[in-house]
Amino acid sequence: MLAMVEDGMDSLVARFAAHAATVEVSARVEGSPLLECVTDDLILHVFERTGPYLAPRGPARVIVQPETASLTRLEPGPEAPERRIEVVALSVVHVQGIVTVRDDPFVVVDAGIPLVVSVDEVPDGVRVGDAVRFQSRAPLHGFVLPPERKTAPALAPDEQV
């Protein structure tokens, strides 16, 4: 579905890089597109879309991009809505969280980690701040961001000699 809702991988990464989750990438079979991402007590298996599938083991920033046919807006209640991700099958999750961005056909959901959700049809009444629930289709997509480059502080002109 990515090809229908976005110009391509680079465009999606540029558009949603600010919503990448900080995860720990586990060891994996070399060349495999299945990436195991660990955050707190959650393990997500994502289909890495940013080949050549060389993300090293260790900390990484990953745009986690589930797809779903629809999502359900939850009625507001007196208690703060729960943010949670439940893994129900390999690369399939049941999610409840808060909408932080609506950019049709995408909705960014804070479910404990940010998720950039591709929705076949976003209901008209869904707004930023609403609690929502959905179940993803397999696979979860993952876009690994390159490590942030550390830049040296700028030198004053008289120090550049």
C-alpha atoms as a PDB file:
ATOM      1  CA  MET A   1       0.000   0.000   0.000  1.00  0.00           C
ATOM      2  CA  LEU A   2       2.956   2.348   0.517  1.00  0.00           C
ATOM      3  CA  ALA A   3       3.289   3.025  -3.205  1.00  0.00           C
ATOM      4  CA  MET A   4      -0.296   4.304  -3.343  1.00  0.00           C
ATOM      5  CA  VAL A   5      -0.089   6.695  -0.392  1.00  0.00           C
ATOM      6  CA  GLU A   6       3.425   8.050  -0.708  1.00  0.00           C
ATOM      7  CA  ASP A   7       5.824   8.999  -3.500  1.00  0.00           C
ATOM      8  CA  GLY A   8       8.377   6.530  -2.187  1.00  0.00           C
ATOM      9  CA  MET A   9      10.462   5.479   0.744  1.00  0.00           C
ATOM     10  CA  ASP A  10      12.617   8.619   0.817  1.00  0.00           C
ATOM     11  CA  SER A  11       9.550  10.829   0.792  1.00  0.00           C
ATOM     12  CA  LEU A  12       7.934   8.953   3.683  1.00  0.00           C
ATOM     13  CA  VAL A  13      11.151   9.067   5.711  1.00  0.00           C
ATOM     14  CA  ALA A  14      11.549  12.818   5.138  1.00  0.00           C
ATOM     15  CA  ARG A  15       7.899  13.457   5.973  1.00  0.00           C
ATOM     16  CA  PHE A  16       7.821  11.454   9.229  1.00  0.00           C
ATOM     17  CA  ALA A  17      11.426  11.345  10.537  1.00  0.00           C
ATOM     18  CA  ALA A  18      10.417  13.468  13.530  1.00  0.00           C
ATOM     19  CA  HIS A  19       8.072  10.635  14.573  1.00  0.00           C
ATOM     20  CA  ALA A  20      10.660   7.848  14.687  1.00  0.00           C
ATOM     21  CA  ALA A  21      10.685   5.582  17.727  1.00  0.00           C
ATOM     22  CA  THR A  22      13.883   4.999  19.669  1.00  0.00           C
ATOM     23  CA  VAL A  23      14.425   1.242  19.818  1.00  0.00           C
ATOM     24  CA  GLU A  24      17.102  -1.363  20.402  1.00  0.00           C
ATOM     25  CA  VAL A  25      17.732  -3.474  17.304  1.00  0.00           C
ATOM     26  CA  SER A  26      18.436  -7.132  18.098  1.00  0.00           C
ATOM     27  CA  ALA A  27      20.879  -9.370  16.270  1.00  0.00           C
ATOM     28  CA  ARG A  28      19.443 -10.970  13.118  1.00  0.00           C
ATOM     29  CA  VAL A  29      20.224 -13.196  10.192  1.00  0.00           C
ATOM     30  CA  GLU A  30      22.417 -11.267   7.747  1.00  0.00           C
ATOM     31  CA  GLY A  31      20.438  -9.952   4.784  1.00  0.00           C
ATOM     32  CA  SER A  32      17.041 -10.627   6.362  1.00  0.00           C
ATOM     33  CA  PRO A  33      14.418  -7.877   5.984  1.00  0.00           C
ATOM     34  CA  LEU A  34      12.808  -8.866   9.323  1.00  0.00           C
ATOM     35  CA  LEU A  35      14.036  -6.511  12.010  1.00  0.00           C
ATOM     36  CA  GLU A  36      13.439  -7.131  15.706  1.00  0.00           C
ATOM     37  CA  CYS A  37      12.951  -3.866  17.598  1.00  0.00           C
ATOM     38  CA  VAL A  38      12.874  -3.807  21.393  1.00  0.00           C
ATOM     39  CA  THR A  39      11.487  -0.945  23.425  1.00  0.00           C
ATOM     40  CA  ASP A  40      10.802  -1.202  27.154  1.00  0.00           C
ATOM     41  CA  ASP A  41       9.086  -4.593  27.494  1.00  0.00           C
ATOM     42  CA  LEU A  42       7.804  -4.737  23.904  1.00  0.00           C
ATOM     43  CA  ILE A  43       9.312  -6.643  20.978  1.00  0.00           C
ATOM     44  CA  LEU A  44       8.136  -5.641  17.493  1.00  0.00           C
ATOM     45  CA  HIS A  45       9.016  -7.458  14.291  1.00  0.00           C
ATOM     46  CA  VAL A  46       9.053  -5.047  11.364  1.00  0.00           C
ATOM     47  CA  PHE A  47       9.706  -5.492   7.676  1.00  0.00           C
ATOM     48  CA  GLU A  48      12.667  -3.197   7.096  1.00  0.00           C
ATOM     49  CA  ARG A  49      11.957  -1.002   4.081  1.00  0.00           C
ATOM     50  CA  THR A  50      15.311   0.809   4.079  1.00  0.00           C
ATOM     51  CA  GLY A  51      17.482  -2.007   2.666  1.00  0.00           C
ATOM     52  CA  PRO A  52      20.108  -3.246   2.111  1.00  0.00           C
ATOM     53  CA  TYR A  53      19.106  -4.539   5.571  1.00  0.00           C
ATOM     54  CA  LEU A  54      22.301  -3.549   7.313  1.00  0.00           C
ATOM     55  CA  ALA A  55      20.953  -1.852  10.447  1.00  0.00           C
ATOM     56  CA  PRO A  56      23.498  -2.743  13.119  1.00  0.00           C
ATOM     57  CA  ARG A  57      22.598  -4.243  16.444  1.00  0.00           C
ATOM     58  CA  GLY A  58      22.046  -1.579  19.097  1.00  0.00           C
ATOM     59  CA  PRO A  59      20.154   1.675  19.502  1.00  0.00           C
ATOM     60  CA  ALA A  60      18.368   3.035  16.451  1.00  0.00           C
ATOM     61  CA  ARG A  61      15.626   5.402  15.379  1.00  0.00           C
ATOM     62  CA  VAL A  62      12.945   3.624  13.378  1.00  0.00           C
ATOM     63  CA  ILE A  63       9.730   4.913  11.845  1.00  0.00           C
ATOM     64  CA  VAL A  64       7.279   2.150  12.764  1.00  0.00           C
ATOM     65  CA  GLN A  65       4.555   2.224  10.114  1.00  0.00           C
ATOM     66  CA  PRO A  66       1.579  -0.095  10.567  1.00  0.00           C
ATOM     67  CA  GLU A  67      -1.249  -0.254   8.042  1.00  0.00           C
ATOM     68  CA  THR A  68      -4.921  -0.691   8.919  1.00  0.00           C
ATOM     69  CA  ALA A  69      -8.258  -0.679   7.149  1.00  0.00           C
ATOM     70  CA  SER A  70      -9.820   1.568   9.780  1.00  0.00           C
ATOM     71  CA  LEU A  71      -9.470   2.907  13.270  1.00  0.00           C
ATOM     72  CA  THR A  72     -12.050   3.546  15.949  1.00  0.00           C
ATOM     73  CA  ARG A  73     -12.308   6.814  17.843  1.00  0.00           C
ATOM     74  CA  LEU A  74     -12.788   6.153  21.563  1.00  0.00           C
ATOM     75  CA  GLU A  75     -15.198   8.266  23.555  1.00  0.00           C
ATOM     76  CA  PRO A  76     -13.478  10.604  26.023  1.00  0.00           C
ATOM     77  CA  GLY A  77     -13.681   9.532  29.643  1.00  0.00           C
ATOM     78  CA  PRO A  78     -12.698  10.887  33.036  1.00  0.00           C
ATOM     79  CA  GLU A  79      -9.420   8.949  33.048  1.00  0.00           C
ATOM     80  CA  ALA A  80      -6.517   9.514  30.712  1.00  0.00           C
ATOM     81  CA  PRO A  81      -6.717   7.018  27.852  1.00  0.00           C
ATOM     82  CA  GLU A  82      -4.336   4.097  28.026  1.00  0.00           C
ATOM     83  CA  ARG A  83      -1.489   3.979  25.500  1.00  0.00           C
ATOM     84  CA  ARG A  84      -0.580   0.413  24.632  1.00  0.00           C
ATOM     85  CA  ILE A  85       0.606  -1.935  21.930  1.00  0.00           C
ATOM     86  CA  GLU A  86      -0.256  -5.609  22.097  1.00  0.00           C
ATOM     87  CA  VAL A  87       1.481  -7.996  19.717  1.00  0.00           C
ATOM     88  CA  VAL A  88      -1.193 -10.431  18.501  1.00  0.00           C
ATOM     89  CA  ALA A  89       0.784 -12.232  15.759  1.00  0.00           C
ATOM     90  CA  LEU A  90       4.112 -11.932  13.989  1.00  0.00           C
ATOM     91  CA  SER A  91       4.250  -8.329  12.748  1.00  0.00           C
ATOM     92  CA  VAL A  92       0.601  -7.647  13.741  1.00  0.00           C
ATOM     93  CA  VAL A  93      -0.389  -5.383  16.631  1.00  0.00           C
ATOM     94  CA  HIS A  94      -3.518  -4.230  18.420  1.00  0.00           C
ATOM     95  CA  VAL A  95      -3.023  -0.571  19.398  1.00  0.00           C
ATOM     96  CA  GLN A  96      -4.664   2.016  21.591  1.00  0.00           C
ATOM     97  CA  GLY A  97      -3.249   5.520  21.746  1.00  0.00           C
ATOM     98  CA  ILE A  98      -3.603   9.245  21.169  1.00  0.00           C
ATOM     99  CA  VAL A  99      -3.596  10.932  17.764  1.00  0.00           C
ATOM    100  CA  THR A 100      -0.741  13.462  17.651  1.00  0.00           C
ATOM    101  CA  VAL A 101      -0.820  14.239  13.911  1.00  0.00           C
ATOM    102  CA  ARG A 102      -3.463  13.794  11.233  1.00  0.00           C
ATOM    103  CA  ASP A 103      -2.009  13.962   7.736  1.00  0.00           C
ATOM    104  CA  ASP A 104      -4.362  11.858   5.593  1.00  0.00           C
ATOM    105  CA  PRO A 105      -3.992   9.041   4.786  1.00  0.00           C
ATOM    106  CA  PHE A 106      -1.632   8.906   7.781  1.00  0.00           C
ATOM    107  CA  VAL A 107      -2.329   9.339  11.466  1.00  0.00           C
ATOM    108  CA  VAL A 108       0.528   9.487  13.955  1.00  0.00           C
ATOM    109  CA  VAL A 109      -0.514   7.695  17.147  1.00  0.00           C
ATOM    110  CA  ASP A 110       1.287   7.875  20.500  1.00  0.00           C
ATOM    111  CA  ALA A 111       0.866   4.345  21.833  1.00  0.00           C
ATOM    112  CA  GLY A 112       3.844   4.492  24.198  1.00  0.00           C
ATOM    113  CA  ILE A 113       6.015   4.871  21.096  1.00  0.00           C
ATOM    114  CA  PRO A 114       5.056   6.895  18.020  1.00  0.00           C
ATOM    115  CA  LEU A 115       3.419   4.939  15.196  1.00  0.00           C
ATOM    116  CA  VAL A 116       2.925   6.394  11.706  1.00  0.00           C
ATOM    117  CA  VAL A 117      -0.295   4.615  10.770  1.00  0.00           C
ATOM    118  CA  SER A 118      -1.465   4.307   7.168  1.00  0.00           C
ATOM    119  CA  VAL A 119      -5.273   4.147   7.271  1.00  0.00           C
ATOM    120  CA  ASP A 120      -7.369   3.131   4.261  1.00  0.00           C
ATOM    121  CA  GLU A 121     -10.005   5.671   5.295  1.00  0.00           C
ATOM    122  CA  VAL A 122      -9.535   8.005   8.272  1.00  0.00           C
ATOM    123  CA  PRO A 123     -12.952   8.703   9.856  1.00  0.00           C
ATOM    124  CA  ASP A 124     -14.006  12.361   9.512  1.00  0.00           C
ATOM    125  CA  GLY A 125     -14.433  12.862  13.274  1.00  0.00           C
ATOM    126  CA  VAL A 126     -10.866  11.856  14.225  1.00  0.00           C
ATOM    127  CA  ARG A 127      -8.801  14.817  15.422  1.00  0.00           C
ATOM    128  CA  VAL A 128      -5.467  15.454  17.110  1.00  0.00           C
ATOM    129  CA  GLY A 129      -5.851  14.592  20.806  1.00  0.00           C
ATOM    130  CA  ASP A 130      -8.451  11.855  20.242  1.00  0.00           C
ATOM    131  CA  ALA A 131      -7.970   8.383  21.659  1.00  0.00           C
ATOM    132  CA  VAL A 132      -8.165   5.686  18.977  1.00  0.00           C
ATOM    133  CA  ARG A 133      -7.910   1.923  18.664  1.00  0.00           C
ATOM    134  CA  PHE A 134      -6.979  -0.272  15.683  1.00  0.00           C
ATOM    135  CA  GLN A 135      -5.483  -3.586  14.628  1.00  0.00           C
ATOM    136  CA  SER A 136      -2.747  -3.577  12.001  1.00  0.00           C
ATOM    137  CA  ARG A 137      -2.366  -5.765   8.964  1.00  0.00           C
ATOM    138  CA  ALA A 138       0.838  -7.710   8.526  1.00  0.00           C
ATOM    139  CA  PRO A 139       3.532  -6.721   8.064  1.00  0.00           C
ATOM    140  CA  LEU A 140       4.531  -3.756  10.183  1.00  0.00           C
ATOM    141  CA  HIS A 141       6.858  -1.617   8.100  1.00  0.00           C
ATOM    142  CA  GLY A 142      10.048  -0.178   9.583  1.00  0.00           C
ATOM    143  CA  PHE A 143      12.156   2.640   8.179  1.00  0.00           C
ATOM    144  CA  VAL A 144      15.565   2.807   9.869  1.00  0.00           C
ATOM    145  CA  LEU A 145      16.930   6.330  10.012  1.00  0.00           C
ATOM    146  CA  PRO A 146      20.645   6.885   9.486  1.00  0.00           C
ATOM    147  CA  PRO A 147      22.571   7.724  12.661  1.00  0.00           C
ATOM    148  CA  GLU A 148      22.575  11.402  13.473  1.00  0.00           C
ATOM    149  CA  ARG A 149      25.866  12.951  12.551  1.00  0.00           C
ATOM    150  CA  LYS A 150      27.586  14.902  15.254  1.00  0.00           C
ATOM    151  CA  THR A 151      28.834  18.209  13.974  1.00  0.00           C
ATOM    152  CA  ALA A 152      31.730  20.095  15.433  1.00  0.00           C
ATOM    153  CA  PRO A 153      30.888  23.469  16.928  1.00  0.00           C
ATOM    154  CA  ALA A 154      31.376  26.363  14.546  1.00  0.00           C
ATOM    155  CA  LEU A 155      34.700  28.151  14.917  1.00  0.00           C
ATOM    156  CA  ALA A 156      34.935  31.893  15.259  1.00  0.00           C
ATOM    157  CA  PRO A 157      36.593  33.541  12.227  1.00  0.00           C
ATOM    158  CA  ASP A 158      39.832  34.239  14.140  1.00  0.00           C
ATOM    159  CA  GLU A 159      40.001  30.548  15.199  1.00  0.00           C
ATOM    160  CA  GLN A 160      39.812  29.359  11.585  1.00  0.00           C
ATOM    161  CA  VAL A 161      43.376  30.456  10.799  1.00  0.00           C
END
